[in-house]
Amino acid sequence: MYKKIIHSNSERKKKTIIRHWLTCVRVKLLNIFCEEITLLVSILSLCLLLLLYFFTCMSVFIILCDVFVSYAVSQLSEGNVPLYVICK
């Protein structure tokens, strides 16, 4: 009977150690997973920010080109620009 109790305590200790080890492994994997998700979200945010910056710059460029072309067409229609300026 005494030997069985010792064996039982030994088994409990093994199970406790295994449970503790599995818990530690789960926590570490969860931390690694959370770090990877955070990194991925940061990279995606940066990409979206760069796309927004690119489209903003392109929009400003297109607006400036439109203004310049409109001004040039209005000057041409009024006849204020000499022909040799257009040909150069």
Protein backbone atom coordinates (compact mmCIF):
# COMPACT_ATOMS: atom_id res chain seq x y z
CA MET A 1 0.00 0.00 0.00
CA TYR A 2 2.82 2.40 0.87
CA LYS A 3 4.54 1.74 -2.45
CA LYS A 4 1.32 2.45 -4.35
CA ILE A 5 0.95 5.86 -2.65
CA ILE A 6 4.54 6.78 -3.56
CA HIS A 7 3.92 5.67 -7.12
CA SER A 8 0.74 7.73 -7.20
CA ASN A 9 2.56 10.83 -5.92
CA SER A 10 5.29 10.32 -8.50
CA GLU A 11 2.70 10.10 -11.28
CA ARG A 12 1.03 13.28 -10.03
CA LYS A 13 4.35 15.09 -10.07
CA LYS A 14 5.03 13.92 -13.62
CA LYS A 15 1.58 15.02 -14.74
CA THR A 16 2.02 18.38 -13.02
CA ILE A 17 5.41 18.89 -14.66
CA ILE A 18 4.01 17.94 -18.07
CA ARG A 19 1.03 20.29 -17.61
CA HIS A 20 3.32 23.11 -16.54
CA TRP A 21 5.61 22.49 -19.53
CA LEU A 22 2.65 22.43 -21.94
CA THR A 23 1.31 25.65 -20.44
CA CYS A 24 4.70 27.34 -20.85
CA VAL A 25 4.93 26.15 -24.45
CA ARG A 26 1.42 27.44 -25.19
CA VAL A 27 2.17 30.82 -23.65
CA LYS A 28 5.43 31.13 -25.62
CA LEU A 29 3.72 30.15 -28.87
CA LEU A 30 0.93 32.62 -28.19
CA ASN A 31 3.47 35.39 -27.52
CA ILE A 32 5.34 34.59 -30.74
CA PHE A 33 2.07 34.53 -32.66
CA CYS A 34 1.01 37.88 -31.19
CA GLU A 35 4.38 39.43 -32.07
CA GLU A 36 4.09 38.17 -35.66
CA ILE A 37 0.54 39.53 -35.97
CA THR A 38 1.68 42.89 -34.59
CA LEU A 39 4.55 43.00 -37.07
CA LEU A 40 2.24 42.08 -39.94
CA VAL A 41 -0.26 44.78 -38.98
CA SER A 42 2.56 47.35 -38.76
CA ILE A 43 3.86 46.42 -42.22
CA LEU A 44 0.36 46.57 -43.72
CA SER A 45 -0.23 49.97 -42.11
CA LEU A 46 3.02 51.26 -43.54
CA CYS A 47 2.10 49.97 -47.01
CA LEU A 48 -1.31 51.62 -46.83
CA LEU A 49 0.29 54.86 -45.70
CA LEU A 50 2.74 54.76 -48.62
CA LEU A 51 -0.10 54.07 -51.06
CA LEU A 52 -2.06 56.98 -49.64
CA TYR A 53 0.99 59.23 -49.98
CA PHE A 54 1.56 58.05 -53.57
CA PHE A 55 -2.06 58.65 -54.59
CA THR A 56 -2.06 62.05 -52.87
CA CYS A 57 1.07 63.09 -54.78
CA MET A 58 -0.39 61.77 -58.02
CA SER A 59 -3.63 63.67 -57.41
CA VAL A 60 -1.74 66.91 -56.81
CA PHE A 61 0.36 66.31 -59.93
CA ILE A 62 -2.74 65.63 -62.04
CA ILE A 63 -4.48 68.74 -60.70
CA LEU A 64 -1.40 70.88 -61.45
CA CYS A 65 -1.16 69.46 -64.97
CA ASP A 66 -4.85 70.12 -65.51
CA VAL A 67 -4.46 73.72 -64.35
CA PHE A 68 -1.42 74.24 -66.57
CA VAL A 69 -3.12 72.71 -69.63
CA SER A 70 -6.28 74.74 -69.01
CA TYR A 71 -4.23 77.93 -68.71
CA ALA A 72 -2.25 77.09 -71.87
CA VAL A 73 -5.43 76.33 -73.84
CA SER A 74 -7.07 79.53 -72.67
CA GLN A 75 -3.99 81.54 -73.67
CA LEU A 76 -3.91 79.82 -77.07
CA SER A 77 -7.59 80.45 -77.67
CA GLU A 78 -7.14 84.14 -76.88
CA GLY A 79 -4.12 84.32 -79.16
CA ASN A 80 -1.75 85.63 -76.47
CA VAL A 81 0.98 83.04 -77.15
CA PRO A 82 3.15 83.45 -80.24
CA LEU A 83 3.35 80.45 -82.58
CA TYR A 84 7.12 80.00 -82.21
CA VAL A 85 6.68 79.32 -78.45
CA ILE A 86 4.32 76.47 -79.24
CA CYS A 87 6.67 74.99 -81.85
CA LYS A 88 9.71 75.00 -79.53
